[in-house]
Amino acid sequence: LRDMHPFSYDPFQEEALQHIRQGISVFVSAPTGSGKTVLAEVAVEKALAGGGMAIYTAPIKALSNQKFRDFHAHYGERVGILTGDVTLNPQAPLLIMTTEIYRNTLFEGSERFSRCRWVIFDEVHYLDDPERGTVWEEALLLTPRETEILALSATIPNAKQIAAWIEQIHGRPVRVVQENHRAVPLRFSFQCQDELYGD
């Protein structure tokens, strides 16, 4: 697992990877573009290398489709996808799905995911969404105790509070790794009458 990527890890990535290698759930809060996907790739590899399965959940179908393409390029037929529109290779050891599909499948019974070693919740800050946040709550509540959780989020102020809640409901440690440095700087612009204004 240490040689999975051809580049050195940033300090926050290395901190999170230490927990993943030890099989400990992690909540990672870091800006967009900082390299959170690298952590998901290592968790997936760890799960599959041990003969288990992994699940990658995303909030929207378009992101699920993109992650399926990304992982399929590496894992081929070992990856499947389940969204409301698409079902491909549903018995694969690595499943990409929307969070709603994951939650619904858990409602039906978690036996199907008994071999799941890691579940990745991408964009877990959707917990705060007034309309869809309950989906993330229920998915986290229903995740089997033997499945480790990797929660990925853009920078949010209450990461430690959410991690403490997960610890409380699951009775397991959840480490918090926070990175505030923005690798890709934000630039603010606006368009008016076909002209772009900004810094």
N, C-alpha and C. Protein backbone atom coordinates (compact mmCIF):
# COMPACT_ATOMS: atom_id res chain seq x y z
N LEU A 1 0.81 -1.21 0.00
CA LEU A 1 0.00 0.00 0.00
C LEU A 1 0.85 1.27 0.00
N ARG A 2 2.05 1.16 0.53
CA ARG A 2 2.89 2.35 0.64
C ARG A 2 3.39 2.84 -0.71
N ASP A 3 3.47 1.93 -1.69
CA ASP A 3 4.01 2.31 -2.99
C ASP A 3 2.90 2.42 -4.04
N MET A 4 1.70 2.64 -3.61
CA MET A 4 0.57 2.65 -4.54
C MET A 4 0.61 3.84 -5.48
N HIS A 5 1.12 4.97 -5.02
CA HIS A 5 1.17 6.18 -5.83
C HIS A 5 2.61 6.59 -6.09
N PRO A 6 2.87 7.16 -7.26
CA PRO A 6 4.26 7.50 -7.62
C PRO A 6 4.72 8.85 -7.08
N PHE A 7 4.02 9.38 -6.08
CA PHE A 7 4.36 10.69 -5.54
C PHE A 7 4.35 10.62 -4.02
N SER A 8 4.98 11.58 -3.40
CA SER A 8 4.98 11.63 -1.94
C SER A 8 3.69 12.27 -1.46
N TYR A 9 3.26 11.86 -0.29
CA TYR A 9 2.00 12.35 0.26
C TYR A 9 2.20 13.63 1.05
N ASP A 10 1.18 14.46 1.02
CA ASP A 10 1.17 15.65 1.87
C ASP A 10 1.02 15.20 3.33
N PRO A 11 1.41 16.04 4.28
CA PRO A 11 1.32 15.64 5.70
C PRO A 11 -0.08 15.19 6.12
N PHE A 12 -1.13 15.88 5.67
CA PHE A 12 -2.48 15.46 6.09
C PHE A 12 -2.85 14.13 5.48
N GLN A 13 -2.38 13.87 4.24
CA GLN A 13 -2.64 12.57 3.61
C GLN A 13 -1.93 11.46 4.37
N GLU A 14 -0.67 11.71 4.72
CA GLU A 14 0.09 10.69 5.45
C GLU A 14 -0.55 10.40 6.79
N GLU A 15 -1.03 11.43 7.47
CA GLU A 15 -1.70 11.23 8.76
C GLU A 15 -2.94 10.36 8.59
N ALA A 16 -3.76 10.67 7.59
CA ALA A 16 -4.97 9.87 7.34
C ALA A 16 -4.61 8.45 6.92
N LEU A 17 -3.58 8.30 6.10
CA LEU A 17 -3.19 6.98 5.62
C LEU A 17 -2.68 6.09 6.74
N GLN A 18 -2.05 6.68 7.74
CA GLN A 18 -1.62 5.89 8.89
C GLN A 18 -2.82 5.24 9.57
N HIS A 19 -3.90 5.99 9.71
CA HIS A 19 -5.11 5.44 10.33
C HIS A 19 -5.73 4.36 9.43
N ILE A 20 -5.78 4.62 8.13
CA ILE A 20 -6.36 3.65 7.20
C ILE A 20 -5.57 2.35 7.23
N ARG A 21 -4.26 2.46 7.23
CA ARG A 21 -3.42 1.25 7.26
C ARG A 21 -3.65 0.45 8.54
N GLN A 22 -3.99 1.16 9.63
CA GLN A 22 -4.26 0.49 10.91
C GLN A 22 -5.70 -0.01 11.01
N GLY A 23 -6.52 0.27 9.98
CA GLY A 23 -7.91 -0.17 10.01
C GLY A 23 -8.78 0.64 10.93
N ILE A 24 -8.51 1.94 11.04
CA ILE A 24 -9.27 2.83 11.91
C ILE A 24 -10.04 3.82 11.05
N SER A 25 -11.31 4.03 11.36
CA SER A 25 -12.16 4.96 10.62
C SER A 25 -11.60 6.38 10.71
N VAL A 26 -11.81 7.14 9.61
CA VAL A 26 -11.24 8.49 9.53
C VAL A 26 -12.25 9.45 8.94
N PHE A 27 -12.30 10.65 9.50
CA PHE A 27 -13.07 11.76 8.93
C PHE A 27 -12.05 12.79 8.45
N VAL A 28 -12.03 13.04 7.14
CA VAL A 28 -11.05 13.95 6.55
C VAL A 28 -11.77 15.18 6.02
N SER A 29 -11.36 16.34 6.51
CA SER A 29 -11.89 17.61 6.05
C SER A 29 -10.75 18.38 5.40
N ALA A 30 -10.88 18.62 4.09
CA ALA A 30 -9.81 19.31 3.35
C ALA A 30 -10.42 19.99 2.13
N PRO A 31 -9.81 21.08 1.68
CA PRO A 31 -10.38 21.82 0.55
C PRO A 31 -10.44 20.98 -0.73
N THR A 32 -11.33 21.36 -1.62
CA THR A 32 -11.44 20.73 -2.91
C THR A 32 -10.10 20.81 -3.64
N GLY A 33 -9.70 19.72 -4.26
CA GLY A 33 -8.46 19.70 -5.01
C GLY A 33 -7.22 19.41 -4.20
N SER A 34 -7.40 19.04 -2.93
CA SER A 34 -6.23 18.81 -2.07
C SER A 34 -5.75 17.36 -2.08
N GLY A 35 -6.51 16.46 -2.68
CA GLY A 35 -6.05 15.08 -2.80
C GLY A 35 -6.73 14.09 -1.88
N LYS A 36 -8.01 14.30 -1.60
CA LYS A 36 -8.74 13.35 -0.73
C LYS A 36 -8.98 12.02 -1.44
N THR A 37 -9.10 12.04 -2.77
CA THR A 37 -9.38 10.81 -3.52
C THR A 37 -8.26 9.78 -3.33
N VAL A 38 -7.03 10.25 -3.15
CA VAL A 38 -5.90 9.36 -2.90
C VAL A 38 -6.18 8.48 -1.69
N LEU A 39 -6.80 9.04 -0.67
CA LEU A 39 -7.10 8.28 0.55
C LEU A 39 -8.12 7.19 0.25
N ALA A 40 -9.12 7.53 -0.55
CA ALA A 40 -10.13 6.53 -0.92
C ALA A 40 -9.49 5.38 -1.69
N GLU A 41 -8.56 5.71 -2.57
CA GLU A 41 -7.90 4.67 -3.36
C GLU A 41 -7.14 3.70 -2.47
N VAL A 42 -6.48 4.21 -1.44
CA VAL A 42 -5.73 3.34 -0.53
C VAL A 42 -6.69 2.49 0.30
N ALA A 43 -7.80 3.07 0.77
CA ALA A 43 -8.77 2.29 1.54
C ALA A 43 -9.36 1.17 0.69
N VAL A 44 -9.67 1.47 -0.56
CA VAL A 44 -10.19 0.45 -1.48
C VAL A 44 -9.16 -0.65 -1.67
N GLU A 45 -7.93 -0.27 -1.93
CA GLU A 45 -6.88 -1.26 -2.15
C GLU A 45 -6.69 -2.14 -0.93
N LYS A 46 -6.74 -1.53 0.25
CA LYS A 46 -6.59 -2.30 1.50
C LYS A 46 -7.72 -3.32 1.64
N ALA A 47 -8.94 -2.89 1.35
CA ALA A 47 -10.09 -3.79 1.47
C ALA A 47 -9.97 -4.96 0.50
N LEU A 48 -9.66 -4.67 -0.75
CA LEU A 48 -9.62 -5.71 -1.77
C LEU A 48 -8.43 -6.64 -1.56
N ALA A 49 -7.30 -6.08 -1.14
CA ALA A 49 -6.11 -6.91 -0.92
C ALA A 49 -6.34 -7.93 0.19
N GLY A 50 -7.22 -7.59 1.13
CA GLY A 50 -7.53 -8.50 2.23
C GLY A 50 -8.65 -9.46 1.91
N GLY A 51 -9.11 -9.46 0.65
CA GLY A 51 -10.18 -10.38 0.25
C GLY A 51 -11.57 -9.88 0.57
N GLY A 52 -11.69 -8.63 1.00
CA GLY A 52 -13.00 -8.07 1.30
C GLY A 52 -13.52 -7.24 0.15
N MET A 53 -14.52 -6.44 0.45
CA MET A 53 -15.06 -5.55 -0.56
C MET A 53 -15.05 -4.12 -0.03
N ALA A 54 -15.23 -3.17 -0.95
CA ALA A 54 -15.29 -1.77 -0.58
C ALA A 54 -16.44 -1.11 -1.32
N ILE A 55 -16.99 -0.07 -0.71
CA ILE A 55 -18.09 0.69 -1.31
C ILE A 55 -17.70 2.15 -1.33
N TYR A 56 -17.93 2.78 -2.47
CA TYR A 56 -17.66 4.21 -2.62
C TYR A 56 -18.99 4.88 -2.89
N THR A 57 -19.44 5.74 -1.99
CA THR A 57 -20.71 6.43 -2.19
C THR A 57 -20.46 7.88 -2.58
N ALA A 58 -21.30 8.37 -3.47
CA ALA A 58 -21.21 9.75 -3.93
C ALA A 58 -22.60 10.36 -3.93
N PRO A 59 -22.71 11.68 -3.77
CA PRO A 59 -24.04 12.29 -3.62
C PRO A 59 -24.85 12.39 -4.90
N ILE A 60 -24.20 12.38 -6.06
CA ILE A 60 -24.95 12.53 -7.31
C ILE A 60 -24.52 11.47 -8.32
N LYS A 61 -25.42 11.16 -9.25
CA LYS A 61 -25.15 10.11 -10.24
C LYS A 61 -23.96 10.45 -11.12
N ALA A 62 -23.83 11.71 -11.49
CA ALA A 62 -22.72 12.10 -12.38
C ALA A 62 -21.38 11.81 -11.72
N LEU A 63 -21.27 12.10 -10.41
CA LEU A 63 -20.02 11.82 -9.71
C LEU A 63 -19.81 10.31 -9.57
N SER A 64 -20.88 9.58 -9.33
CA SER A 64 -20.77 8.11 -9.26
C SER A 64 -20.26 7.56 -10.59
N ASN A 65 -20.80 8.06 -11.69
CA ASN A 65 -20.36 7.60 -13.01
C ASN A 65 -18.89 7.90 -13.25
N GLN A 66 -18.46 9.09 -12.83
CA GLN A 66 -17.06 9.47 -13.00
C GLN A 66 -16.14 8.57 -12.17
N LYS A 67 -16.54 8.30 -10.91
CA LYS A 67 -15.72 7.44 -10.06
C LYS A 67 -15.68 6.02 -10.61
N PHE A 68 -16.79 5.56 -11.19
CA PHE A 68 -16.80 4.24 -11.81
C PHE A 68 -15.78 4.19 -12.94
N ARG A 69 -15.76 5.21 -13.78
CA ARG A 69 -14.80 5.24 -14.88
C ARG A 69 -13.36 5.25 -14.35
N ASP A 70 -13.13 6.06 -13.32
CA ASP A 70 -11.78 6.15 -12.75
C ASP A 70 -11.32 4.80 -12.19
N PHE A 71 -12.18 4.19 -11.37
CA PHE A 71 -11.80 2.92 -10.74
C PHE A 71 -11.78 1.78 -11.75
N HIS A 72 -12.66 1.82 -12.74
CA HIS A 72 -12.69 0.76 -13.76
C HIS A 72 -11.40 0.75 -14.55
N ALA A 73 -10.81 1.91 -14.76
CA ALA A 73 -9.54 1.98 -15.49
C ALA A 73 -8.44 1.21 -14.75
N HIS A 74 -8.57 1.14 -13.43
CA HIS A 74 -7.55 0.45 -12.62
C HIS A 74 -7.94 -0.99 -12.29
N TYR A 75 -9.22 -1.20 -11.95
CA TYR A 75 -9.65 -2.51 -11.44
C TYR A 75 -10.43 -3.34 -12.46
N GLY A 76 -10.82 -2.76 -13.58
CA GLY A 76 -11.54 -3.52 -14.60
C GLY A 76 -12.83 -4.12 -14.08
N GLU A 77 -12.99 -5.43 -14.27
CA GLU A 77 -14.24 -6.10 -13.91
C GLU A 77 -14.42 -6.29 -12.41
N ARG A 78 -13.48 -5.82 -11.62
CA ARG A 78 -13.62 -5.93 -10.16
C ARG A 78 -14.43 -4.78 -9.59
N VAL A 79 -14.91 -3.88 -10.46
CA VAL A 79 -15.70 -2.74 -10.00
C VAL A 79 -17.08 -2.77 -10.65
N GLY A 80 -18.09 -2.39 -9.87
CA GLY A 80 -19.46 -2.30 -10.38
C GLY A 80 -20.07 -0.98 -9.96
N ILE A 81 -21.22 -0.67 -10.51
CA ILE A 81 -21.89 0.59 -10.19
C ILE A 81 -23.38 0.35 -9.99
N LEU A 82 -23.94 1.05 -9.00
CA LEU A 82 -25.37 0.99 -8.72
C LEU A 82 -25.87 2.41 -8.50
N THR A 83 -26.64 2.91 -9.45
CA THR A 83 -27.32 4.18 -9.25
C THR A 83 -28.79 3.94 -9.61
N GLY A 84 -29.60 4.96 -9.53
CA GLY A 84 -31.00 4.77 -9.90
C GLY A 84 -31.18 4.43 -11.37
N ASP A 85 -30.21 4.81 -12.20
CA ASP A 85 -30.32 4.61 -13.64
C ASP A 85 -29.50 3.45 -14.16
N VAL A 86 -28.40 3.13 -13.50
CA VAL A 86 -27.44 2.17 -14.04
C VAL A 86 -27.12 1.11 -13.00
N THR A 87 -27.11 -0.15 -13.45
CA THR A 87 -26.61 -1.25 -12.63
C THR A 87 -25.68 -2.08 -13.50
N LEU A 88 -24.42 -2.08 -13.13
CA LEU A 88 -23.41 -2.86 -13.85
C LEU A 88 -22.58 -3.64 -12.85
N ASN A 89 -22.46 -4.95 -13.07
CA ASN A 89 -21.60 -5.80 -12.26
C ASN A 89 -21.87 -5.64 -10.76
N PRO A 90 -23.12 -5.84 -10.33
CA PRO A 90 -23.48 -5.56 -8.93
C PRO A 90 -22.86 -6.50 -7.90
N GLN A 91 -22.25 -7.60 -8.35
CA GLN A 91 -21.60 -8.52 -7.40
C GLN A 91 -20.11 -8.25 -7.26
N ALA A 92 -19.62 -7.17 -7.87
CA ALA A 92 -18.19 -6.85 -7.83
C ALA A 92 -17.73 -6.54 -6.41
N PRO A 93 -16.45 -6.78 -6.11
CA PRO A 93 -15.95 -6.47 -4.77
C PRO A 93 -15.80 -4.98 -4.49
N LEU A 94 -15.79 -4.16 -5.54
CA LEU A 94 -15.78 -2.71 -5.36
C LEU A 94 -17.02 -2.15 -6.02
N LEU A 95 -17.89 -1.55 -5.23
CA LEU A 95 -19.14 -1.01 -5.75
C LEU A 95 -19.17 0.50 -5.58
N ILE A 96 -19.50 1.17 -6.68
CA ILE A 96 -19.70 2.62 -6.66
C ILE A 96 -21.21 2.84 -6.67
N MET A 97 -21.71 3.69 -5.78
CA MET A 97 -23.15 3.91 -5.74
C MET A 97 -23.47 5.27 -5.14
N THR A 98 -24.67 5.72 -5.42
CA THR A 98 -25.12 6.95 -4.76
C THR A 98 -25.40 6.61 -3.29
N THR A 99 -25.34 7.62 -2.46
CA THR A 99 -25.56 7.40 -1.03
C THR A 99 -26.97 6.88 -0.78
N GLU A 100 -27.94 7.35 -1.59
CA GLU A 100 -29.32 6.85 -1.44
C GLU A 100 -29.41 5.35 -1.69
N ILE A 101 -28.74 4.87 -2.73
CA ILE A 101 -28.77 3.44 -3.04
C ILE A 101 -28.12 2.64 -1.91
N TYR A 102 -27.00 3.15 -1.39
CA TYR A 102 -26.33 2.48 -0.27
C TYR A 102 -27.27 2.40 0.93
N ARG A 103 -27.88 3.53 1.28
CA ARG A 103 -28.81 3.56 2.41
C ARG A 103 -29.98 2.60 2.19
N ASN A 104 -30.56 2.62 0.99
CA ASN A 104 -31.70 1.75 0.70
C ASN A 104 -31.32 0.27 0.81
N THR A 105 -30.13 -0.08 0.33
CA THR A 105 -29.69 -1.47 0.40
C THR A 105 -29.49 -1.89 1.85
N LEU A 106 -28.98 -0.99 2.69
CA LEU A 106 -28.83 -1.31 4.10
C LEU A 106 -30.18 -1.50 4.78
N PHE A 107 -31.18 -0.71 4.37
CA PHE A 107 -32.53 -0.88 4.90
C PHE A 107 -33.06 -2.28 4.61
N GLU A 108 -32.71 -2.79 3.43
CA GLU A 108 -33.17 -4.12 3.03
C GLU A 108 -32.47 -5.23 3.80
N GLY A 109 -31.34 -4.92 4.41
CA GLY A 109 -30.57 -5.91 5.17
C GLY A 109 -29.10 -5.79 4.83
N SER A 110 -28.24 -5.71 5.85
CA SER A 110 -26.82 -5.45 5.62
C SER A 110 -26.03 -6.71 5.29
N GLU A 111 -26.69 -7.88 5.22
CA GLU A 111 -25.96 -9.12 4.96
C GLU A 111 -25.23 -9.05 3.62
N ARG A 112 -25.80 -8.33 2.68
CA ARG A 112 -25.18 -8.23 1.36
C ARG A 112 -23.79 -7.61 1.46
N PHE A 113 -23.59 -6.76 2.44
CA PHE A 113 -22.32 -6.06 2.59
C PHE A 113 -21.49 -6.62 3.74
N SER A 114 -21.72 -7.87 4.08
CA SER A 114 -21.03 -8.46 5.24
C SER A 114 -19.52 -8.54 5.02
N ARG A 115 -19.08 -8.57 3.76
CA ARG A 115 -17.65 -8.63 3.46
C ARG A 115 -17.05 -7.24 3.26
N CYS A 116 -17.86 -6.20 3.44
CA CYS A 116 -17.38 -4.84 3.19
C CYS A 116 -16.44 -4.41 4.31
N ARG A 117 -15.22 -4.08 3.95
CA ARG A 117 -14.22 -3.65 4.93
C ARG A 117 -14.16 -2.13 5.05
N TRP A 118 -14.41 -1.42 3.96
CA TRP A 118 -14.37 0.05 3.97
C TRP A 118 -15.52 0.60 3.17
N VAL A 119 -16.18 1.62 3.71
CA VAL A 119 -17.14 2.39 2.94
C VAL A 119 -16.66 3.84 2.94
N ILE A 120 -16.62 4.40 1.73
CA ILE A 120 -16.17 5.78 1.58
C ILE A 120 -17.39 6.66 1.35
N PHE A 121 -17.55 7.66 2.20
CA PHE A 121 -18.62 8.64 2.03
C PHE A 121 -17.99 9.90 1.45
N ASP A 122 -18.12 10.07 0.13
CA ASP A 122 -17.61 11.28 -0.49
C ASP A 122 -18.62 12.40 -0.27
N GLU A 123 -18.12 13.62 -0.06
CA GLU A 123 -18.97 14.79 0.16
C GLU A 123 -19.90 14.59 1.37
N VAL A 124 -19.34 14.11 2.47
CA VAL A 124 -20.16 13.79 3.64
C VAL A 124 -20.79 15.03 4.28
N HIS A 125 -20.34 16.22 3.87
CA HIS A 125 -20.96 17.44 4.39
C HIS A 125 -22.41 17.59 3.92
N TYR A 126 -22.86 16.70 3.02
CA TYR A 126 -24.28 16.68 2.66
C TYR A 126 -25.16 16.36 3.88
N LEU A 127 -24.56 15.91 4.97
CA LEU A 127 -25.29 15.73 6.22
C LEU A 127 -26.06 16.99 6.60
N ASP A 128 -25.53 18.13 6.19
CA ASP A 128 -26.12 19.42 6.55
C ASP A 128 -27.19 19.86 5.57
N ASP A 129 -27.42 19.08 4.51
CA ASP A 129 -28.40 19.47 3.50
C ASP A 129 -29.82 19.31 4.07
N PRO A 130 -30.64 20.37 4.01
CA PRO A 130 -31.98 20.29 4.62
C PRO A 130 -32.86 19.21 4.00
N GLU A 131 -32.70 18.95 2.72
CA GLU A 131 -33.58 17.99 2.04
C GLU A 131 -33.02 16.57 2.04
N ARG A 132 -31.70 16.43 1.91
CA ARG A 132 -31.13 15.10 1.73
C ARG A 132 -30.25 14.65 2.88
N GLY A 133 -30.05 15.50 3.87
CA GLY A 133 -29.12 15.17 4.95
C GLY A 133 -29.48 13.91 5.71
N THR A 134 -30.78 13.61 5.83
CA THR A 134 -31.19 12.41 6.56
C THR A 134 -30.68 11.14 5.89
N VAL A 135 -30.47 11.18 4.57
CA VAL A 135 -29.93 10.01 3.87
C VAL A 135 -28.55 9.67 4.42
N TRP A 136 -27.72 10.69 4.61
CA TRP A 136 -26.37 10.46 5.13
C TRP A 136 -26.43 10.00 6.58
N GLU A 137 -27.32 10.60 7.36
CA GLU A 137 -27.47 10.17 8.75
C GLU A 137 -27.84 8.69 8.82
N GLU A 138 -28.85 8.30 8.06
CA GLU A 138 -29.31 6.91 8.09
C GLU A 138 -28.25 5.96 7.56
N ALA A 139 -27.55 6.38 6.50
CA ALA A 139 -26.49 5.53 5.94
C ALA A 139 -25.38 5.30 6.96
N LEU A 140 -25.00 6.35 7.66
CA LEU A 140 -23.97 6.21 8.69
C LEU A 140 -24.47 5.36 9.85
N LEU A 141 -25.71 5.58 10.27
CA LEU A 141 -26.28 4.79 11.37
C LEU A 141 -26.34 3.31 11.02
N LEU A 142 -26.68 2.98 9.78
CA LEU A 142 -26.90 1.60 9.37
C LEU A 142 -25.65 0.87 8.91
N THR A 143 -24.55 1.60 8.71
CA THR A 143 -23.31 0.95 8.28
C THR A 143 -22.90 -0.10 9.30
N PRO A 144 -22.63 -1.33 8.84
CA PRO A 144 -22.27 -2.40 9.78
C PRO A 144 -21.06 -2.03 10.63
N ARG A 145 -21.05 -2.50 11.87
CA ARG A 145 -19.99 -2.14 12.81
C ARG A 145 -18.62 -2.65 12.35
N GLU A 146 -18.61 -3.74 11.58
CA GLU A 146 -17.33 -4.30 11.14
C GLU A 146 -16.76 -3.57 9.92
N THR A 147 -17.51 -2.62 9.39
CA THR A 147 -17.07 -1.86 8.22
C THR A 147 -16.48 -0.53 8.68
N GLU A 148 -15.24 -0.27 8.30
CA GLU A 148 -14.62 1.00 8.64
C GLU A 148 -15.14 2.10 7.71
N ILE A 149 -15.14 3.32 8.21
CA ILE A 149 -15.71 4.46 7.49
C ILE A 149 -14.61 5.45 7.14
N LEU A 150 -14.58 5.85 5.87
CA LEU A 150 -13.73 6.96 5.45
C LEU A 150 -14.67 8.05 4.96
N ALA A 151 -14.80 9.11 5.75
CA ALA A 151 -15.70 10.22 5.42
C ALA A 151 -14.85 11.36 4.86
N LEU A 152 -15.18 11.80 3.65
CA LEU A 152 -14.43 12.85 2.98
C LEU A 152 -15.30 14.09 2.82
N SER A 153 -14.74 15.23 3.12
CA SER A 153 -15.53 16.45 3.06
C SER A 153 -14.66 17.64 2.68
N ALA A 154 -15.29 18.60 2.02
CA ALA A 154 -14.65 19.91 1.91
C ALA A 154 -14.57 20.49 3.32
N THR A 155 -13.81 21.53 3.48
CA THR A 155 -13.60 22.10 4.81
C THR A 155 -14.92 22.48 5.49
N ILE A 156 -15.16 21.90 6.65
CA ILE A 156 -16.35 22.23 7.44
C ILE A 156 -15.92 22.47 8.89
N PRO A 157 -16.62 23.32 9.61
CA PRO A 157 -16.18 23.70 10.95
C PRO A 157 -16.42 22.65 12.02
N ASN A 158 -17.37 21.72 11.81
CA ASN A 158 -17.73 20.81 12.90
C ASN A 158 -17.34 19.36 12.61
N ALA A 159 -16.21 19.14 11.97
CA ALA A 159 -15.76 17.78 11.65
C ALA A 159 -15.60 16.95 12.92
N LYS A 160 -15.04 17.54 13.97
CA LYS A 160 -14.83 16.80 15.21
C LYS A 160 -16.15 16.41 15.87
N GLN A 161 -17.13 17.29 15.76
CA GLN A 161 -18.44 17.00 16.33
C GLN A 161 -19.10 15.82 15.60
N ILE A 162 -19.01 15.82 14.27
CA ILE A 162 -19.61 14.72 13.50
C ILE A 162 -18.88 13.42 13.78
N ALA A 163 -17.55 13.48 13.84
CA ALA A 163 -16.78 12.27 14.14
C ALA A 163 -17.13 11.72 15.52
N ALA A 164 -17.33 12.60 16.48
CA ALA A 164 -17.71 12.17 17.84
C ALA A 164 -19.07 11.49 17.82
N TRP A 165 -19.98 11.99 16.98
CA TRP A 165 -21.31 11.37 16.85
C TRP A 165 -21.18 9.96 16.26
N ILE A 166 -20.33 9.82 15.23
CA ILE A 166 -20.13 8.49 14.64
C ILE A 166 -19.51 7.55 15.67
N GLU A 167 -18.54 8.05 16.44
CA GLU A 167 -17.94 7.24 17.50
C GLU A 167 -18.99 6.77 18.49
N GLN A 168 -19.90 7.66 18.84
CA GLN A 168 -20.93 7.34 19.84
C GLN A 168 -21.90 6.27 19.33
N ILE A 169 -22.34 6.40 18.07
CA ILE A 169 -23.35 5.45 17.58
C ILE A 169 -22.74 4.10 17.21
N HIS A 170 -21.44 4.09 16.89
CA HIS A 170 -20.81 2.84 16.46
C HIS A 170 -19.92 2.21 17.52
N GLY A 171 -19.57 2.98 18.54
CA GLY A 171 -18.68 2.44 19.56
C GLY A 171 -17.31 2.10 19.01
N ARG A 172 -16.83 2.93 18.09
CA ARG A 172 -15.52 2.69 17.49
C ARG A 172 -14.77 4.01 17.37
N PRO A 173 -13.46 3.98 17.36
CA PRO A 173 -12.73 5.25 17.19
C PRO A 173 -12.87 5.81 15.78
N VAL A 174 -12.98 7.11 15.67
CA VAL A 174 -12.98 7.81 14.39
C VAL A 174 -11.98 8.96 14.50
N ARG A 175 -10.91 8.87 13.76
CA ARG A 175 -9.90 9.91 13.81
C ARG A 175 -10.29 11.07 12.89
N VAL A 176 -9.93 12.27 13.27
CA VAL A 176 -10.23 13.46 12.48
C VAL A 176 -8.93 14.03 11.93
N VAL A 177 -8.90 14.24 10.61
CA VAL A 177 -7.74 14.85 9.96
C VAL A 177 -8.25 16.08 9.21
N GLN A 178 -7.69 17.23 9.54
CA GLN A 178 -8.14 18.47 8.92
C GLN A 178 -6.98 19.16 8.22
N GLU A 179 -7.24 19.66 7.04
CA GLU A 179 -6.27 20.42 6.25
C GLU A 179 -6.96 21.68 5.78
N ASN A 180 -6.37 22.83 6.06
CA ASN A 180 -6.98 24.10 5.67
C ASN A 180 -6.28 24.76 4.49
N HIS A 181 -5.06 24.28 4.17
CA HIS A 181 -4.35 24.88 3.03
C HIS A 181 -5.05 24.52 1.73
N ARG A 182 -5.31 25.50 0.92
CA ARG A 182 -5.99 25.29 -0.37
C ARG A 182 -4.94 25.15 -1.47
N ALA A 183 -4.81 23.94 -1.99
CA ALA A 183 -3.81 23.69 -3.03
C ALA A 183 -4.14 24.42 -4.32
N VAL A 184 -5.44 24.52 -4.61
CA VAL A 184 -5.90 25.24 -5.80
C VAL A 184 -6.57 26.52 -5.32
N PRO A 185 -5.92 27.67 -5.50
CA PRO A 185 -6.50 28.91 -4.95
C PRO A 185 -7.81 29.28 -5.64
N LEU A 186 -8.70 29.88 -4.85
CA LEU A 186 -9.97 30.35 -5.38
C LEU A 186 -9.78 31.72 -6.03
N ARG A 187 -10.44 31.92 -7.13
CA ARG A 187 -10.46 33.23 -7.77
C ARG A 187 -11.91 33.59 -8.01
N PHE A 188 -12.27 34.81 -7.68
CA PHE A 188 -13.65 35.25 -7.79
C PHE A 188 -13.80 36.16 -9.01
N SER A 189 -14.77 35.83 -9.86
CA SER A 189 -15.04 36.60 -11.07
C SER A 189 -16.55 36.66 -11.27
N PHE A 190 -16.96 37.58 -12.10
CA PHE A 190 -18.37 37.60 -12.50
C PHE A 190 -18.44 38.03 -13.96
N GLN A 191 -19.53 37.61 -14.58
CA GLN A 191 -19.72 37.91 -16.00
C GLN A 191 -20.88 38.88 -16.17
N CYS A 192 -20.69 39.86 -17.01
CA CYS A 192 -21.74 40.84 -17.29
C CYS A 192 -21.63 41.23 -18.76
N GLN A 193 -22.70 41.01 -19.49
CA GLN A 193 -22.75 41.37 -20.91
C GLN A 193 -21.54 40.83 -21.68
N ASP A 194 -21.31 39.53 -21.51
CA ASP A 194 -20.25 38.82 -22.21
C ASP A 194 -18.84 39.27 -21.83
N GLU A 195 -18.70 40.04 -20.78
CA GLU A 195 -17.37 40.44 -20.28
C GLU A 195 -17.14 39.77 -18.93
N LEU A 196 -15.91 39.30 -18.71
CA LEU A 196 -15.55 38.64 -17.46
C LEU A 196 -14.75 39.61 -16.60
N TYR A 197 -15.21 39.81 -15.37
CA TYR A 197 -14.54 40.74 -14.45
C TYR A 197 -14.08 39.95 -13.22
N GLY A 198 -12.92 40.29 -12.71
CA GLY A 198 -12.43 39.62 -11.51
C GLY A 198 -10.98 39.93 -11.28
N ASP A 199 -10.40 39.15 -10.35
CA ASP A 199 -9.00 39.41 -10.01
C ASP A 199 -8.04 38.73 -10.96
